[in-house]
């Protein structure tokens, strides 16, 4: 999933790219934040957050956040 964000990043509009950078920086927190917090921290509008999710092929923010949450809960801790 994070690989998808990395690979799609260069092809996304700058505003959507900022959302992706935030997701890559802290995927666990990203999966917990409401859309308004993601938008604020990315410096974009809330519709841009949803467009970012759809650009990656997800149904919307809820779909992306659920997948991120599952992924981050199954990843081994860093350094192990």
PDB file of N, CA and C in Angstrom:
ATOM      1  N   UNK A   1       0.817  -1.187   0.000  1.00  0.00           N
ATOM      2  CA  UNK A   1       0.000   0.000   0.000  1.00  0.00           C
ATOM      3  C   UNK A   1       0.866   1.257   0.000  1.00  0.00           C
ATOM      4  N   UNK A   2       1.857   1.309   0.886  1.00  0.00           N
ATOM      5  CA  UNK A   2       2.744   2.468   0.896  1.00  0.00           C
ATOM      6  C   UNK A   2       3.546   2.541  -0.392  1.00  0.00           C
ATOM      7  N   UNK A   3       3.854   1.382  -0.961  1.00  0.00           N
ATOM      8  CA  UNK A   3       4.543   1.361  -2.257  1.00  0.00           C
ATOM      9  C   UNK A   3       3.683   1.996  -3.339  1.00  0.00           C
ATOM     10  N   UNK A   4       2.379   1.779  -3.265  1.00  0.00           N
ATOM     11  CA  UNK A   4       1.464   2.386  -4.239  1.00  0.00           C
ATOM     12  C   UNK A   4       1.504   3.902  -4.113  1.00  0.00           C
ATOM     13  N   UNK A   5       1.490   4.393  -2.880  1.00  0.00           N
ATOM     14  CA  UNK A   5       1.548   5.841  -2.664  1.00  0.00           C
ATOM     15  C   UNK A   5       2.865   6.391  -3.209  1.00  0.00           C
ATOM     16  N   UNK A   6       3.965   5.701  -2.927  1.00  0.00           N
ATOM     17  CA  UNK A   6       5.273   6.149  -3.425  1.00  0.00           C
ATOM     18  C   UNK A   6       5.325   6.154  -4.949  1.00  0.00           C
ATOM     19  N   UNK A   7       4.815   5.090  -5.562  1.00  0.00           N
ATOM     20  CA  UNK A   7       4.908   4.992  -7.023  1.00  0.00           C
ATOM     21  C   UNK A   7       3.977   5.971  -7.730  1.00  0.00           C
ATOM     22  N   UNK A   8       2.820   6.247  -7.146  1.00  0.00           N
ATOM     23  CA  UNK A   8       1.868   7.172  -7.765  1.00  0.00           C
ATOM     24  C   UNK A   8       2.218   8.633  -7.489  1.00  0.00           C
ATOM     25  N   UNK A   9       2.957   8.891  -6.431  1.00  0.00           N
ATOM     26  CA  UNK A   9       3.253  10.254  -6.006  1.00  0.00           C
ATOM     27  C   UNK A   9       3.688  11.199  -7.101  1.00  0.00           C
ATOM     28  N   UNK A  10       4.682  10.830  -7.895  1.00  0.00           N
ATOM     29  CA  UNK A  10       5.148  11.756  -8.934  1.00  0.00           C
ATOM     30  C   UNK A  10       4.091  12.089  -9.989  1.00  0.00           C
ATOM     31  N   UNK A  11       3.097  11.234 -10.136  1.00  0.00           N
ATOM     32  CA  UNK A  11       2.062  11.473 -11.156  1.00  0.00           C
ATOM     33  C   UNK A  11       0.868  12.249 -10.614  1.00  0.00           C
ATOM     34  N   UNK A  12       0.832  12.476  -9.309  1.00  0.00           N
ATOM     35  CA  UNK A  12      -0.300  13.171  -8.699  1.00  0.00           C
ATOM     36  C   UNK A  12      -0.119  14.679  -8.771  1.00  0.00           C
ATOM     37  N   UNK A  13      -1.227  15.421  -8.762  1.00  0.00           N
ATOM     38  CA  UNK A  13      -1.117  16.877  -8.658  1.00  0.00           C
ATOM     39  C   UNK A  13      -0.419  17.244  -7.341  1.00  0.00           C
ATOM     40  N   UNK A  14       0.226  18.400  -7.282  1.00  0.00           N
ATOM     41  CA  UNK A  14       0.979  18.778  -6.082  1.00  0.00           C
ATOM     42  C   UNK A  14       0.182  18.697  -4.773  1.00  0.00           C
ATOM     43  N   UNK A  15      -1.067  19.125  -4.784  1.00  0.00           N
ATOM     44  CA  UNK A  15      -1.864  19.091  -3.549  1.00  0.00           C
ATOM     45  C   UNK A  15      -2.095  17.652  -3.089  1.00  0.00           C
ATOM     46  N   UNK A  16      -2.424  16.768  -4.015  1.00  0.00           N
ATOM     47  CA  UNK A  16      -2.628  15.363  -3.655  1.00  0.00           C
ATOM     48  C   UNK A  16      -1.308  14.730  -3.218  1.00  0.00           C
ATOM     49  N   UNK A  17      -0.225  15.149  -3.818  1.00  0.00           N
ATOM     50  CA  UNK A  17       1.093  14.634  -3.441  1.00  0.00           C
ATOM     51  C   UNK A  17       1.395  14.952  -1.980  1.00  0.00           C
ATOM     52  N   UNK A  18       0.974  16.142  -1.521  1.00  0.00           N
ATOM     53  CA  UNK A  18       1.199  16.513  -0.114  1.00  0.00           C
ATOM     54  C   UNK A  18       0.437  15.583   0.823  1.00  0.00           C
ATOM     55  N   UNK A  19      -0.757  15.167   0.426  1.00  0.00           N
ATOM     56  CA  UNK A  19      -1.520  14.212   1.236  1.00  0.00           C
ATOM     57  C   UNK A  19      -0.758  12.890   1.301  1.00  0.00           C
ATOM     58  N   UNK A  20      -0.241  12.458   0.173  1.00  0.00           N
ATOM     59  CA  UNK A  20       0.529  11.220   0.134  1.00  0.00           C
ATOM     60  C   UNK A  20       1.775  11.279   0.998  1.00  0.00           C
ATOM     61  N   UNK A  21       2.444  12.414   0.984  1.00  0.00           N
ATOM     62  CA  UNK A  21       3.645  12.573   1.812  1.00  0.00           C
ATOM     63  C   UNK A  21       3.302  12.445   3.289  1.00  0.00           C
ATOM     64  N   UNK A  22       2.159  12.993   3.677  1.00  0.00           N
ATOM     65  CA  UNK A  22       1.721  12.882   5.067  1.00  0.00           C
ATOM     66  C   UNK A  22       1.411  11.430   5.418  1.00  0.00           C
ATOM     67  N   UNK A  23       0.753  10.721   4.519  1.00  0.00           N
ATOM     68  CA  UNK A  23       0.433   9.309   4.758  1.00  0.00           C
ATOM     69  C   UNK A  23       1.703   8.483   4.896  1.00  0.00           C
ATOM     70  N   UNK A  24       2.705   8.784   4.098  1.00  0.00           N
ATOM     71  CA  UNK A  24       3.971   8.050   4.170  1.00  0.00           C
ATOM     72  C   UNK A  24       4.746   8.375   5.442  1.00  0.00           C
ATOM     73  N   UNK A  25       4.637   9.614   5.880  1.00  0.00           N
ATOM     74  CA  UNK A  25       5.379  10.052   7.062  1.00  0.00           C
ATOM     75  C   UNK A  25       4.902   9.332   8.321  1.00  0.00           C
ATOM     76  N   UNK A  26       3.590   9.173   8.478  1.00  0.00           N
ATOM     77  CA  UNK A  26       3.051   8.531   9.681  1.00  0.00           C
ATOM     78  C   UNK A  26       1.747   7.814   9.338  1.00  0.00           C
ATOM     79  N   UNK A  27       1.839   6.639   8.703  1.00  0.00           N
ATOM     80  CA  UNK A  27       0.628   5.945   8.267  1.00  0.00           C
ATOM     81  C   UNK A  27      -0.316   5.571   9.404  1.00  0.00           C
ATOM     82  N   UNK A  28       0.219   5.241  10.574  1.00  0.00           N
ATOM     83  CA  UNK A  28      -0.647   4.863  11.697  1.00  0.00           C
ATOM     84  C   UNK A  28      -1.491   6.053  12.149  1.00  0.00           C
ATOM     85  N   UNK A  29      -0.871   7.215  12.286  1.00  0.00           N
ATOM     86  CA  UNK A  29      -1.614   8.409  12.685  1.00  0.00           C
ATOM     87  C   UNK A  29      -2.588   8.821  11.585  1.00  0.00           C
ATOM     88  N   UNK A  30      -2.137   8.769  10.348  1.00  0.00           N
ATOM     89  CA  UNK A  30      -2.990   9.119   9.208  1.00  0.00           C
ATOM     90  C   UNK A  30      -4.277   8.306   9.242  1.00  0.00           C
ATOM     91  N   UNK A  31      -4.169   7.035   9.580  1.00  0.00           N
ATOM     92  CA  UNK A  31      -5.346   6.159   9.582  1.00  0.00           C
ATOM     93  C   UNK A  31      -6.325   6.503  10.701  1.00  0.00           C
ATOM     94  N   UNK A  32      -5.883   7.268  11.693  1.00  0.00           N
ATOM     95  CA  UNK A  32      -6.761   7.645  12.813  1.00  0.00           C
ATOM     96  C   UNK A  32      -7.337   9.053  12.682  1.00  0.00           C
ATOM     97  N   UNK A  33      -6.679   9.904  11.927  1.00  0.00           N
ATOM     98  CA  UNK A  33      -7.107  11.296  11.843  1.00  0.00           C
ATOM     99  C   UNK A  33      -8.385  11.448  11.020  1.00  0.00           C
ATOM    100  N   UNK A  34      -9.253  12.391  11.403  1.00  0.00           N
ATOM    101  CA  UNK A  34     -10.411  12.709  10.552  1.00  0.00           C
ATOM    102  C   UNK A  34      -9.949  13.475   9.311  1.00  0.00           C
ATOM    103  N   UNK A  35     -10.791  13.517   8.325  1.00  0.00           N
ATOM    104  CA  UNK A  35     -10.441  14.171   7.064  1.00  0.00           C
ATOM    105  C   UNK A  35     -10.011  15.617   7.289  1.00  0.00           C
ATOM    106  N   UNK A  36     -10.660  16.308   8.224  1.00  0.00           N
ATOM    107  CA  UNK A  36     -10.308  17.711   8.469  1.00  0.00           C
ATOM    108  C   UNK A  36      -8.875  17.849   8.979  1.00  0.00           C
ATOM    109  N   UNK A  37      -8.427  16.913   9.811  1.00  0.00           N
ATOM    110  CA  UNK A  37      -7.059  16.953  10.335  1.00  0.00           C
ATOM    111  C   UNK A  37      -6.045  16.640   9.238  1.00  0.00           C
ATOM    112  N   UNK A  38      -6.368  15.659   8.407  1.00  0.00           N
ATOM    113  CA  UNK A  38      -5.480  15.316   7.289  1.00  0.00           C
ATOM    114  C   UNK A  38      -5.341  16.513   6.353  1.00  0.00           C
ATOM    115  N   UNK A  39      -6.469  17.149   6.042  1.00  0.00           N
ATOM    116  CA  UNK A  39      -6.448  18.316   5.158  1.00  0.00           C
ATOM    117  C   UNK A  39      -5.621  19.443   5.768  1.00  0.00           C
ATOM    118  N   UNK A  40      -5.838  19.706   7.045  1.00  0.00           N
ATOM    119  CA  UNK A  40      -5.116  20.786   7.727  1.00  0.00           C
ATOM    120  C   UNK A  40      -3.615  20.518   7.728  1.00  0.00           C
ATOM    121  N   UNK A  41      -3.223  19.308   8.097  1.00  0.00           N
ATOM    122  CA  UNK A  41      -1.795  18.978   8.175  1.00  0.00           C
ATOM    123  C   UNK A  41      -1.134  18.938   6.796  1.00  0.00           C
ATOM    124  N   UNK A  42      -1.929  18.659   5.763  1.00  0.00           N
ATOM    125  CA  UNK A  42      -1.393  18.622   4.395  1.00  0.00           C
ATOM    126  C   UNK A  42      -1.437  19.981   3.717  1.00  0.00           C
ATOM    127  N   UNK A  43      -2.224  20.894   4.276  1.00  0.00           N
ATOM    128  CA  UNK A  43      -2.379  22.205   3.661  1.00  0.00           C
ATOM    129  C   UNK A  43      -3.240  22.168   2.416  1.00  0.00           C
ATOM    130  N   UNK A  44      -4.254  21.274   2.426  1.00  0.00           N
ATOM    131  CA  UNK A  44      -5.144  21.122   1.272  1.00  0.00           C
ATOM    132  C   UNK A  44      -6.593  21.159   1.748  1.00  0.00           C
ATOM    133  N   UNK A  45      -7.527  21.130   0.803  1.00  0.00           N
ATOM    134  CA  UNK A  45      -8.945  21.082   1.143  1.00  0.00           C
ATOM    135  C   UNK A  45      -9.370  19.639   1.425  1.00  0.00           C
ATOM    136  N   UNK A  46     -10.509  19.487   2.095  1.00  0.00           N
ATOM    137  CA  UNK A  46     -10.995  18.130   2.369  1.00  0.00           C
ATOM    138  C   UNK A  46     -11.339  17.372   1.085  1.00  0.00           C
ATOM    139  N   UNK A  47     -11.916  18.021   0.055  1.00  0.00           N
ATOM    140  CA  UNK A  47     -12.151  17.274  -1.188  1.00  0.00           C
ATOM    141  C   UNK A  47     -10.856  16.758  -1.828  1.00  0.00           C
ATOM    142  N   UNK A  48      -9.759  17.486  -1.650  1.00  0.00           N
ATOM    143  CA  UNK A  48      -8.476  17.028  -2.195  1.00  0.00           C
ATOM    144  C   UNK A  48      -8.040  15.734  -1.532  1.00  0.00           C
ATOM    145  N   UNK A  49      -8.302  15.593  -0.237  1.00  0.00           N
ATOM    146  CA  UNK A  49      -7.958  14.357   0.474  1.00  0.00           C
ATOM    147  C   UNK A  49      -8.718  13.186  -0.144  1.00  0.00           C
ATOM    148  N   UNK A  50      -9.998  13.389  -0.406  1.00  0.00           N
ATOM    149  CA  UNK A  50     -10.817  12.326  -1.005  1.00  0.00           C
ATOM    150  C   UNK A  50     -10.342  12.028  -2.423  1.00  0.00           C
ATOM    151  N   UNK A  51     -10.016  13.065  -3.190  1.00  0.00           N
ATOM    152  CA  UNK A  51      -9.502  12.852  -4.556  1.00  0.00           C
ATOM    153  C   UNK A  51      -8.208  12.054  -4.535  1.00  0.00           C
ATOM    154  N   UNK A  52      -7.347  12.339  -3.565  1.00  0.00           N
ATOM    155  CA  UNK A  52      -6.099  11.586  -3.420  1.00  0.00           C
ATOM    156  C   UNK A  52      -6.403  10.096  -3.254  1.00  0.00           C
ATOM    157  N   UNK A  53      -7.331   9.774  -2.382  1.00  0.00           N
ATOM    158  CA  UNK A  53      -7.688   8.367  -2.143  1.00  0.00           C
ATOM    159  C   UNK A  53      -8.211   7.717  -3.417  1.00  0.00           C
ATOM    160  N   UNK A  54      -9.046   8.423  -4.125  1.00  0.00           N
ATOM    161  CA  UNK A  54      -9.615   7.875  -5.365  1.00  0.00           C
ATOM    162  C   UNK A  54      -8.559   7.768  -6.460  1.00  0.00           C
ATOM    163  N   UNK A  55      -7.613   8.686  -6.472  1.00  0.00           N
ATOM    164  CA  UNK A  55      -6.525   8.613  -7.457  1.00  0.00           C
ATOM    165  C   UNK A  55      -5.700   7.348  -7.277  1.00  0.00           C
ATOM    166  N   UNK A  56      -5.636   6.866  -6.042  1.00  0.00           N
ATOM    167  CA  UNK A  56      -4.894   5.642  -5.753  1.00  0.00           C
ATOM    168  C   UNK A  56      -5.720   4.386  -6.011  1.00  0.00           C
ATOM    169  N   UNK A  57      -7.003   4.572  -6.344  1.00  0.00           N
ATOM    170  CA  UNK A  57      -7.853   3.429  -6.647  1.00  0.00           C
ATOM    171  C   UNK A  57      -8.723   2.957  -5.499  1.00  0.00           C
ATOM    172  N   UNK A  58      -8.784   3.729  -4.418  1.00  0.00           N
ATOM    173  CA  UNK A  58      -9.632   3.364  -3.283  1.00  0.00           C
ATOM    174  C   UNK A  58     -10.990   4.034  -3.432  1.00  0.00           C
ATOM    175  N   UNK A  59     -11.985   3.501  -2.730  1.00  0.00           N
ATOM    176  CA  UNK A  59     -13.339   4.051  -2.821  1.00  0.00           C
ATOM    177  C   UNK A  59     -13.439   5.435  -2.192  1.00  0.00           C
ATOM    178  N   UNK A  60     -12.576   5.726  -1.269  1.00  0.00           N
ATOM    179  CA  UNK A  60     -12.586   7.009  -0.579  1.00  0.00           C
ATOM    180  C   UNK A  60     -11.668   6.943   0.622  1.00  0.00           C
ATOM    181  N   UNK A  61     -11.771   7.939   1.481  1.00  0.00           N
ATOM    182  CA  UNK A  61     -10.883   8.022   2.632  1.00  0.00           C
ATOM    183  C   UNK A  61     -11.085   6.861   3.596  1.00  0.00           C
ATOM    184  N   UNK A  62     -12.323   6.486   3.850  1.00  0.00           N
ATOM    185  CA  UNK A  62     -12.575   5.387   4.785  1.00  0.00           C
ATOM    186  C   UNK A  62     -11.898   4.114   4.316  1.00  0.00           C
ATOM    187  N   UNK A  63     -12.011   3.814   3.046  1.00  0.00           N
ATOM    188  CA  UNK A  63     -11.380   2.615   2.481  1.00  0.00           C
ATOM    189  C   UNK A  63      -9.862   2.670   2.675  1.00  0.00           C
ATOM    190  N   UNK A  64      -9.251   3.784   2.331  1.00  0.00           N
ATOM    191  CA  UNK A  64      -7.802   3.930   2.476  1.00  0.00           C
ATOM    192  C   UNK A  64      -7.382   3.819   3.937  1.00  0.00           C
ATOM    193  N   UNK A  65      -8.101   4.497   4.830  1.00  0.00           N
ATOM    194  CA  UNK A  65      -7.744   4.473   6.246  1.00  0.00           C
ATOM    195  C   UNK A  65      -7.879   3.072   6.836  1.00  0.00           C
ATOM    196  N   UNK A  66      -8.916   2.341   6.445  1.00  0.00           N
ATOM    197  CA  UNK A  66      -9.081   0.973   6.946  1.00  0.00           C
ATOM    198  C   UNK A  66      -7.908   0.098   6.508  1.00  0.00           C
ATOM    199  N   UNK A  67      -7.500   0.239   5.276  1.00  0.00           N
ATOM    200  CA  UNK A  67      -6.371  -0.560   4.773  1.00  0.00           C
ATOM    201  C   UNK A  67      -5.063  -0.159   5.451  1.00  0.00           C
ATOM    202  N   UNK A  68      -4.872   1.134   5.656  1.00  0.00           N
ATOM    203  CA  UNK A  68      -3.671   1.590   6.357  1.00  0.00           C
ATOM    204  C   UNK A  68      -3.649   1.068   7.792  1.00  0.00           C
ATOM    205  N   UNK A  69      -4.795   1.124   8.450  1.00  0.00           N
ATOM    206  CA  UNK A  69      -4.872   0.653   9.834  1.00  0.00           C
ATOM    207  C   UNK A  69      -4.537  -0.831   9.914  1.00  0.00           C
ATOM    208  N   UNK A  70      -5.079  -1.617   9.000  1.00  0.00           N
ATOM    209  CA  UNK A  70      -4.772  -3.058   8.990  1.00  0.00           C
ATOM    210  C   UNK A  70      -3.291  -3.285   8.723  1.00  0.00           C
ATOM    211  N   UNK A  71      -2.752  -2.542   7.781  1.00  0.00           N
ATOM    212  CA  UNK A  71      -1.350  -2.711   7.428  1.00  0.00           C
ATOM    213  C   UNK A  71      -0.437  -2.342   8.598  1.00  0.00           C
ATOM    214  N   UNK A  72      -0.709  -1.222   9.244  1.00  0.00           N
ATOM    215  CA  UNK A  72       0.167  -0.779  10.325  1.00  0.00           C
ATOM    216  C   UNK A  72       0.019  -1.648  11.561  1.00  0.00           C
ATOM    217  N   UNK A  73      -1.117  -2.303  11.733  1.00  0.00           N
ATOM    218  CA  UNK A  73      -1.283  -3.168  12.907  1.00  0.00           C
ATOM    219  C   UNK A  73      -0.600  -4.514  12.714  1.00  0.00           C
ATOM    220  N   UNK A  74      -0.260  -4.867  11.464  1.00  0.00           N
ATOM    221  CA  UNK A  74       0.387  -6.152  11.209  1.00  0.00           C
ATOM    222  C   UNK A  74       1.873  -6.024  10.909  1.00  0.00           C
ATOM    223  N   UNK A  75       2.369  -4.798  10.783  1.00  0.00           N
ATOM    224  CA  UNK A  75       3.796  -4.604  10.519  1.00  0.00           C
ATOM    225  C   UNK A  75       4.592  -4.857  11.787  1.00  0.00           C
ATOM    226  N   UNK A  76       5.726  -5.542  11.678  1.00  0.00           N
ATOM    227  CA  UNK A  76       6.579  -5.713  12.854  1.00  0.00           C
ATOM    228  C   UNK A  76       7.199  -4.378  13.245  1.00  0.00           C
ATOM    229  N   UNK A  77       7.495  -4.185  14.520  1.00  0.00           N
ATOM    230  CA  UNK A  77       8.131  -2.928  14.940  1.00  0.00           C
ATOM    231  C   UNK A  77       9.466  -2.749  14.227  1.00  0.00           C
ATOM    232  N   UNK A  78       9.846  -1.496  13.998  1.00  0.00           N
ATOM    233  CA  UNK A  78      11.118  -1.207  13.334  1.00  0.00           C
ATOM    234  C   UNK A  78      12.266  -1.703  14.195  1.00  0.00           C
ATOM    235  N   UNK A  79      13.297  -2.208  13.541  1.00  0.00           N
ATOM    236  CA  UNK A  79      14.477  -2.640  14.264  1.00  0.00           C
ATOM    237  C   UNK A  79      14.429  -4.072  14.741  1.00  0.00           C
ATOM    238  N   UNK A  80      13.409  -4.811  14.353  1.00  0.00           N
ATOM    239  CA  UNK A  80      13.321  -6.223  14.758  1.00  0.00           C
ATOM    240  C   UNK A  80      13.448  -7.124  13.578  1.00  0.00           C
TER     241      UNK A  80
END
